Structure formats: C-alpha cells, structure tokens
Amino acid sequence: MSRADAVALKEQLGDAVVADREFFRTAGRHREDGSYEVRRRGADSAGNAKVFRDFDAVERLYERLPETFDADDVSRTGITGSRRHMLVRHFAEHPAFDCEITSRSPLRVRKTDADAHETREGDREEVVASD
C-alpha cells in the first residue's frame, strides 16, 4: 500500500469512528478515542457537554436510573448543573433508550420498555456524519 493510500484510508477510518448524531435539543458524538460526548445541540462550550468513557457507560447510567426519573435522579450519579437536564433530554431523544418525556416542568422521563434498548442494537450503531 502506498503512503498516499494509507493516509486516505486513515482519514476514512477516522471519519467512520468520529461521528455526530443530532436530535431535537441534544447531540451525541462517538469520538475518535472511543469516548461518547453528549452535548446541547448548537452549543460549543464545555459547560454544555458531558463526556463518557464510551457509549456503554451512558447505557449503564440509564440502566441505574429508576423507571421514572428527572434531573435530580441524574445528579445522584455525580452529574451537576444544566448537564443533568441535558442528559434527561438526550435519553428521551436517542432511540437506543426507550423512554418518553412525561412532564416538561419539571422535566421528567418514564422508561417505556425495560428491554427495548437491548433489542435495538441497530439504532445504537446508526451514525449521521456532521459537516
């Protein structure tokens, strides 16, 4: 393989590994280092993002939350500030987490099917590249 081909392959792999998926108010990013970042859509400051070691860590957090949860429940896991509400919204918006918003004030979410996120592996891998 030539150096030019190797560089092109490396760029293609990087694009496949680093991918954004935008929802209504939040966005998720699978980063090159394997971590997963949840951020407020359209915001670019660190205060509007939470980085997890990987997507599995986000799934474990979701599994630990009660059937009906809100920002206070998320804060018990050590996440503070407005990131708590952002994560509640991200769980409701991301198809890998089967839950729905039941109240907007205060923001509250209810899990709708405990096994759904395990049976929707295809949703987990679907990626939309950002520009």
N, C-alpha and C. Protein backbone atom coordinates (compact mmCIF):
# COMPACT_ATOMS: atom_id res chain seq x y z
N MET A 1 0.85 -1.17 0.00
CA MET A 1 0.00 0.00 0.00
C MET A 1 0.90 1.23 0.00
N SER A 2 0.57 2.17 -0.84
CA SER A 2 1.37 3.40 -0.92
C SER A 2 1.06 4.30 0.28
N ARG A 3 1.93 5.23 0.55
CA ARG A 3 1.73 6.18 1.64
C ARG A 3 0.44 6.98 1.42
N ALA A 4 0.22 7.42 0.19
CA ALA A 4 -0.99 8.19 -0.12
C ALA A 4 -2.25 7.36 0.14
N ASP A 5 -2.22 6.08 -0.23
CA ASP A 5 -3.36 5.20 0.03
C ASP A 5 -3.57 5.01 1.53
N ALA A 6 -2.47 4.87 2.26
CA ALA A 6 -2.55 4.69 3.71
C ALA A 6 -3.14 5.93 4.38
N VAL A 7 -2.72 7.11 3.95
CA VAL A 7 -3.26 8.36 4.51
C VAL A 7 -4.75 8.47 4.21
N ALA A 8 -5.14 8.14 2.98
CA ALA A 8 -6.56 8.19 2.61
C ALA A 8 -7.38 7.21 3.45
N LEU A 9 -6.85 6.01 3.66
CA LEU A 9 -7.54 5.01 4.48
C LEU A 9 -7.68 5.50 5.92
N LYS A 10 -6.61 6.08 6.45
CA LYS A 10 -6.64 6.60 7.82
C LYS A 10 -7.73 7.67 7.96
N GLU A 11 -7.84 8.56 6.99
CA GLU A 11 -8.87 9.61 7.03
C GLU A 11 -10.26 9.01 6.96
N GLN A 12 -10.44 7.99 6.13
CA GLN A 12 -11.74 7.35 6.02
C GLN A 12 -12.11 6.65 7.32
N LEU A 13 -11.14 5.99 7.94
CA LEU A 13 -11.40 5.32 9.21
C LEU A 13 -11.75 6.34 10.29
N GLY A 14 -11.02 7.44 10.32
CA GLY A 14 -11.30 8.49 11.29
C GLY A 14 -12.70 9.03 11.14
N ASP A 15 -13.14 9.24 9.89
CA ASP A 15 -14.50 9.72 9.64
C ASP A 15 -15.54 8.71 10.10
N ALA A 16 -15.22 7.42 9.98
CA ALA A 16 -16.16 6.38 10.39
C ALA A 16 -16.25 6.28 11.91
N VAL A 17 -15.14 6.55 12.59
CA VAL A 17 -15.09 6.43 14.05
C VAL A 17 -15.67 7.67 14.72
N VAL A 18 -15.35 8.84 14.20
CA VAL A 18 -15.85 10.08 14.76
C VAL A 18 -17.13 10.44 14.03
N ALA A 19 -18.23 10.37 14.74
CA ALA A 19 -19.50 10.65 14.09
C ALA A 19 -20.44 11.35 15.04
N ASP A 20 -21.19 12.28 14.51
CA ASP A 20 -22.19 13.02 15.28
C ASP A 20 -23.57 12.52 14.92
N ARG A 21 -24.43 12.60 15.90
CA ARG A 21 -25.84 12.31 15.67
C ARG A 21 -26.62 13.39 16.38
N GLU A 22 -27.36 14.18 15.63
CA GLU A 22 -28.10 15.29 16.21
C GLU A 22 -29.57 14.94 16.37
N PHE A 23 -30.12 15.39 17.47
CA PHE A 23 -31.52 15.20 17.78
C PHE A 23 -32.17 16.58 17.89
N PHE A 24 -33.32 16.68 18.52
CA PHE A 24 -34.02 17.96 18.58
C PHE A 24 -33.27 18.98 19.43
N ARG A 25 -32.92 18.63 20.65
CA ARG A 25 -32.22 19.57 21.53
C ARG A 25 -30.84 19.11 21.97
N THR A 26 -30.51 17.87 21.71
CA THR A 26 -29.20 17.35 22.11
C THR A 26 -28.51 16.70 20.92
N ALA A 27 -27.25 16.37 21.13
CA ALA A 27 -26.47 15.66 20.10
C ALA A 27 -25.52 14.71 20.80
N GLY A 28 -25.17 13.63 20.12
CA GLY A 28 -24.21 12.67 20.65
C GLY A 28 -23.07 12.54 19.67
N ARG A 29 -21.88 12.33 20.20
CA ARG A 29 -20.72 12.17 19.33
C ARG A 29 -19.89 10.98 19.80
N HIS A 30 -19.67 10.04 18.89
CA HIS A 30 -18.72 8.97 19.12
C HIS A 30 -17.37 9.53 18.69
N ARG A 31 -16.48 9.73 19.65
CA ARG A 31 -15.21 10.39 19.36
C ARG A 31 -14.13 9.37 18.99
N GLU A 32 -13.08 9.88 18.38
CA GLU A 32 -12.00 9.03 17.87
C GLU A 32 -11.36 8.18 18.96
N ASP A 33 -11.29 8.70 20.18
CA ASP A 33 -10.67 7.96 21.28
C ASP A 33 -11.60 6.92 21.90
N GLY A 34 -12.81 6.76 21.34
CA GLY A 34 -13.76 5.77 21.83
C GLY A 34 -14.76 6.34 22.82
N SER A 35 -14.54 7.55 23.28
CA SER A 35 -15.46 8.15 24.24
C SER A 35 -16.74 8.61 23.54
N TYR A 36 -17.75 8.89 24.34
CA TYR A 36 -19.03 9.36 23.81
C TYR A 36 -19.36 10.67 24.51
N GLU A 37 -19.66 11.68 23.72
CA GLU A 37 -19.97 13.01 24.25
C GLU A 37 -21.43 13.34 23.99
N VAL A 38 -22.12 13.75 25.06
CA VAL A 38 -23.48 14.26 24.95
C VAL A 38 -23.37 15.77 25.09
N ARG A 39 -23.98 16.50 24.16
CA ARG A 39 -23.91 17.96 24.24
C ARG A 39 -25.24 18.57 23.85
N ARG A 40 -25.41 19.79 24.29
CA ARG A 40 -26.58 20.55 23.90
C ARG A 40 -26.42 20.92 22.43
N ARG A 41 -27.39 20.65 21.63
CA ARG A 41 -27.30 20.89 20.19
C ARG A 41 -27.06 22.38 19.92
N GLY A 42 -26.08 22.67 19.10
CA GLY A 42 -25.77 24.04 18.73
C GLY A 42 -24.90 24.79 19.71
N ALA A 43 -24.58 24.19 20.85
CA ALA A 43 -23.73 24.85 21.84
C ALA A 43 -22.31 24.31 21.72
N ASP A 44 -21.33 25.16 22.02
CA ASP A 44 -19.95 24.71 21.86
C ASP A 44 -19.08 24.91 23.10
N SER A 45 -19.66 25.26 24.24
CA SER A 45 -18.85 25.41 25.44
C SER A 45 -18.85 24.12 26.26
N ALA A 46 -17.80 23.93 27.05
CA ALA A 46 -17.66 22.70 27.84
C ALA A 46 -18.80 22.54 28.85
N GLY A 47 -19.39 23.63 29.29
CA GLY A 47 -20.50 23.56 30.24
C GLY A 47 -21.75 22.96 29.64
N ASN A 48 -21.77 22.82 28.33
CA ASN A 48 -22.93 22.26 27.64
C ASN A 48 -22.67 20.86 27.13
N ALA A 49 -21.71 20.16 27.74
CA ALA A 49 -21.36 18.82 27.28
C ALA A 49 -20.96 17.94 28.46
N LYS A 50 -21.14 16.65 28.28
CA LYS A 50 -20.69 15.65 29.25
C LYS A 50 -20.05 14.53 28.45
N VAL A 51 -18.81 14.19 28.79
CA VAL A 51 -18.08 13.14 28.08
C VAL A 51 -18.06 11.88 28.94
N PHE A 52 -18.43 10.76 28.32
CA PHE A 52 -18.40 9.46 28.97
C PHE A 52 -17.27 8.64 28.36
N ARG A 53 -16.77 7.68 29.09
CA ARG A 53 -15.67 6.84 28.60
C ARG A 53 -16.03 6.18 27.28
N ASP A 54 -17.28 5.71 27.17
CA ASP A 54 -17.78 5.11 25.93
C ASP A 54 -19.31 5.09 26.00
N PHE A 55 -19.94 4.64 24.93
CA PHE A 55 -21.40 4.62 24.89
C PHE A 55 -21.95 3.63 25.92
N ASP A 56 -21.22 2.58 26.21
CA ASP A 56 -21.66 1.61 27.22
C ASP A 56 -21.84 2.29 28.58
N ALA A 57 -21.00 3.27 28.90
CA ALA A 57 -21.12 3.99 30.17
C ALA A 57 -22.44 4.77 30.22
N VAL A 58 -22.87 5.31 29.10
CA VAL A 58 -24.15 6.01 29.04
C VAL A 58 -25.28 5.01 29.25
N GLU A 59 -25.18 3.85 28.63
CA GLU A 59 -26.20 2.81 28.81
C GLU A 59 -26.27 2.35 30.26
N ARG A 60 -25.12 2.20 30.91
CA ARG A 60 -25.11 1.78 32.32
C ARG A 60 -25.77 2.83 33.20
N LEU A 61 -25.50 4.11 32.93
CA LEU A 61 -26.14 5.18 33.68
C LEU A 61 -27.65 5.09 33.53
N TYR A 62 -28.12 4.92 32.32
CA TYR A 62 -29.55 4.81 32.05
C TYR A 62 -30.16 3.63 32.81
N GLU A 63 -29.48 2.50 32.80
CA GLU A 63 -29.99 1.30 33.48
C GLU A 63 -30.11 1.51 34.98
N ARG A 64 -29.24 2.34 35.56
CA ARG A 64 -29.27 2.59 37.01
C ARG A 64 -30.38 3.56 37.42
N LEU A 65 -30.91 4.30 36.48
CA LEU A 65 -31.96 5.26 36.81
C LEU A 65 -33.28 4.55 37.04
N PRO A 66 -34.15 5.12 37.90
CA PRO A 66 -35.45 4.49 38.16
C PRO A 66 -36.35 4.54 36.93
N GLU A 67 -37.48 3.85 36.99
CA GLU A 67 -38.41 3.79 35.86
C GLU A 67 -38.89 5.18 35.44
N THR A 68 -39.13 6.05 36.39
CA THR A 68 -39.45 7.45 36.12
C THR A 68 -38.34 8.26 36.76
N PHE A 69 -37.72 9.14 35.97
CA PHE A 69 -36.58 9.89 36.51
C PHE A 69 -36.57 11.33 36.01
N ASP A 70 -35.82 12.14 36.75
CA ASP A 70 -35.67 13.55 36.40
C ASP A 70 -34.23 13.98 36.65
N ALA A 71 -33.97 15.27 36.57
CA ALA A 71 -32.60 15.77 36.72
C ALA A 71 -32.04 15.46 38.11
N ASP A 72 -32.88 15.46 39.14
CA ASP A 72 -32.39 15.14 40.48
C ASP A 72 -31.86 13.71 40.54
N ASP A 73 -32.52 12.79 39.88
CA ASP A 73 -32.04 11.40 39.84
C ASP A 73 -30.71 11.32 39.12
N VAL A 74 -30.55 12.07 38.05
CA VAL A 74 -29.28 12.08 37.32
C VAL A 74 -28.19 12.69 38.18
N SER A 75 -28.51 13.70 38.99
CA SER A 75 -27.50 14.35 39.83
C SER A 75 -26.96 13.40 40.90
N ARG A 76 -27.73 12.40 41.28
CA ARG A 76 -27.26 11.43 42.27
C ARG A 76 -26.12 10.57 41.73
N THR A 77 -25.90 10.63 40.42
CA THR A 77 -24.79 9.89 39.81
C THR A 77 -23.53 10.75 39.72
N GLY A 78 -23.61 12.00 40.22
CA GLY A 78 -22.45 12.88 40.22
C GLY A 78 -22.44 13.91 39.11
N ILE A 79 -23.44 13.92 38.28
CA ILE A 79 -23.52 14.90 37.19
C ILE A 79 -24.25 16.12 37.72
N THR A 80 -23.67 17.29 37.49
CA THR A 80 -24.20 18.51 38.09
C THR A 80 -24.62 19.54 37.05
N GLY A 81 -25.26 20.59 37.54
CA GLY A 81 -25.61 21.73 36.71
C GLY A 81 -26.62 21.40 35.62
N SER A 82 -26.57 22.20 34.57
CA SER A 82 -27.53 22.05 33.48
C SER A 82 -27.30 20.77 32.69
N ARG A 83 -26.14 20.13 32.89
CA ARG A 83 -25.89 18.86 32.19
C ARG A 83 -26.87 17.78 32.61
N ARG A 84 -27.41 17.88 33.83
CA ARG A 84 -28.40 16.89 34.29
C ARG A 84 -29.62 16.90 33.38
N HIS A 85 -30.16 18.10 33.11
CA HIS A 85 -31.34 18.22 32.25
C HIS A 85 -31.01 17.82 30.82
N MET A 86 -29.81 18.16 30.37
CA MET A 86 -29.39 17.80 29.02
C MET A 86 -29.40 16.28 28.86
N LEU A 87 -28.90 15.56 29.87
CA LEU A 87 -28.88 14.09 29.79
C LEU A 87 -30.29 13.50 29.82
N VAL A 88 -31.16 14.06 30.63
CA VAL A 88 -32.55 13.59 30.66
C VAL A 88 -33.15 13.73 29.26
N ARG A 89 -32.94 14.87 28.63
CA ARG A 89 -33.44 15.08 27.26
C ARG A 89 -32.79 14.12 26.26
N HIS A 90 -31.47 13.90 26.41
CA HIS A 90 -30.77 13.01 25.48
C HIS A 90 -31.33 11.59 25.56
N PHE A 91 -31.59 11.11 26.77
CA PHE A 91 -32.19 9.79 26.92
C PHE A 91 -33.54 9.73 26.19
N ALA A 92 -34.34 10.78 26.31
CA ALA A 92 -35.66 10.79 25.67
C ALA A 92 -35.55 10.89 24.15
N GLU A 93 -34.50 11.54 23.65
CA GLU A 93 -34.37 11.75 22.21
C GLU A 93 -33.65 10.62 21.48
N HIS A 94 -32.73 9.94 22.14
CA HIS A 94 -31.91 8.92 21.48
C HIS A 94 -32.70 7.61 21.37
N PRO A 95 -32.78 7.02 20.19
CA PRO A 95 -33.58 5.80 20.01
C PRO A 95 -33.05 4.57 20.74
N ALA A 96 -31.83 4.59 21.23
CA ALA A 96 -31.31 3.44 21.98
C ALA A 96 -31.93 3.35 23.37
N PHE A 97 -32.58 4.43 23.81
CA PHE A 97 -33.18 4.46 25.15
C PHE A 97 -34.69 4.61 24.99
N ASP A 98 -35.41 3.58 25.38
CA ASP A 98 -36.85 3.56 25.19
C ASP A 98 -37.53 4.24 26.37
N CYS A 99 -37.70 5.54 26.23
CA CYS A 99 -38.37 6.33 27.26
C CYS A 99 -39.00 7.55 26.62
N GLU A 100 -39.85 8.21 27.38
CA GLU A 100 -40.54 9.38 26.85
C GLU A 100 -40.68 10.44 27.92
N ILE A 101 -40.73 11.68 27.48
CA ILE A 101 -40.94 12.79 28.41
C ILE A 101 -42.39 12.77 28.85
N THR A 102 -42.59 12.76 30.17
CA THR A 102 -43.95 12.76 30.71
C THR A 102 -44.32 14.12 31.28
N SER A 103 -43.31 14.94 31.58
CA SER A 103 -43.55 16.27 32.12
C SER A 103 -42.40 17.18 31.69
N ARG A 104 -42.75 18.37 31.26
CA ARG A 104 -41.72 19.32 30.84
C ARG A 104 -41.31 20.26 31.97
N SER A 105 -42.19 20.47 32.94
CA SER A 105 -41.86 21.34 34.06
C SER A 105 -42.48 20.77 35.32
N PRO A 106 -41.71 20.06 36.13
CA PRO A 106 -40.29 19.78 35.92
C PRO A 106 -40.09 18.70 34.86
N LEU A 107 -38.93 18.73 34.22
CA LEU A 107 -38.60 17.75 33.19
C LEU A 107 -38.51 16.36 33.82
N ARG A 108 -39.36 15.46 33.32
CA ARG A 108 -39.42 14.10 33.87
C ARG A 108 -39.61 13.12 32.71
N VAL A 109 -38.95 11.97 32.82
CA VAL A 109 -38.98 10.94 31.77
C VAL A 109 -39.40 9.62 32.38
N ARG A 110 -40.13 8.83 31.60
CA ARG A 110 -40.54 7.49 32.04
C ARG A 110 -40.03 6.47 31.04
N LYS A 111 -39.41 5.42 31.55
CA LYS A 111 -38.98 4.32 30.69
C LYS A 111 -40.23 3.59 30.22
N THR A 112 -40.27 3.27 28.92
CA THR A 112 -41.47 2.65 28.37
C THR A 112 -41.34 1.16 28.16
N ASP A 113 -40.13 0.64 28.05
CA ASP A 113 -39.91 -0.80 27.87
C ASP A 113 -38.50 -1.11 28.33
N ALA A 114 -38.37 -1.84 29.42
CA ALA A 114 -37.06 -2.10 30.02
C ALA A 114 -36.11 -2.85 29.10
N ASP A 115 -36.62 -3.66 28.19
CA ASP A 115 -35.75 -4.45 27.32
C ASP A 115 -35.52 -3.81 25.96
N ALA A 116 -36.16 -2.70 25.67
CA ALA A 116 -36.13 -2.15 24.31
C ALA A 116 -34.73 -1.75 23.86
N HIS A 117 -33.93 -1.15 24.75
CA HIS A 117 -32.63 -0.69 24.28
C HIS A 117 -31.70 -1.85 23.98
N GLU A 118 -31.96 -3.02 24.54
CA GLU A 118 -31.14 -4.19 24.22
C GLU A 118 -31.52 -4.78 22.87
N THR A 119 -32.78 -4.63 22.47
CA THR A 119 -33.23 -5.22 21.21
C THR A 119 -33.07 -4.28 20.03
N ARG A 120 -32.61 -3.08 20.28
CA ARG A 120 -32.48 -2.10 19.21
C ARG A 120 -31.02 -1.78 18.94
N GLU A 121 -30.20 -2.80 18.87
CA GLU A 121 -28.77 -2.61 18.63
C GLU A 121 -28.51 -1.84 17.34
N GLY A 122 -29.35 -2.01 16.33
CA GLY A 122 -29.16 -1.29 15.07
C GLY A 122 -29.22 0.21 15.28
N ASP A 123 -30.08 0.68 16.18
CA ASP A 123 -30.16 2.10 16.48
C ASP A 123 -28.87 2.59 17.10
N ARG A 124 -28.26 1.75 17.87
CA ARG A 124 -27.06 2.13 18.58
C ARG A 124 -25.91 2.40 17.63
N GLU A 125 -25.85 1.66 16.55
CA GLU A 125 -24.74 1.77 15.62
C GLU A 125 -24.98 2.79 14.51
N GLU A 126 -26.24 3.19 14.33
CA GLU A 126 -26.55 4.14 13.26
C GLU A 126 -25.86 5.47 13.54
N VAL A 127 -25.25 6.04 12.52
CA VAL A 127 -24.48 7.25 12.70
C VAL A 127 -24.81 8.23 11.58
N VAL A 128 -24.90 9.49 11.93
CA VAL A 128 -25.08 10.55 10.94
C VAL A 128 -23.87 11.45 11.03
N ALA A 129 -23.12 11.55 9.97
CA ALA A 129 -21.92 12.38 9.98
C ALA A 129 -22.30 13.85 9.95
N SER A 130 -21.53 14.66 10.69
CA SER A 130 -21.78 16.09 10.67
C SER A 130 -20.86 16.77 9.69
N ASP A 131 -21.23 17.95 9.29
CA ASP A 131 -20.41 18.70 8.34
C ASP A 131 -19.31 19.46 9.05
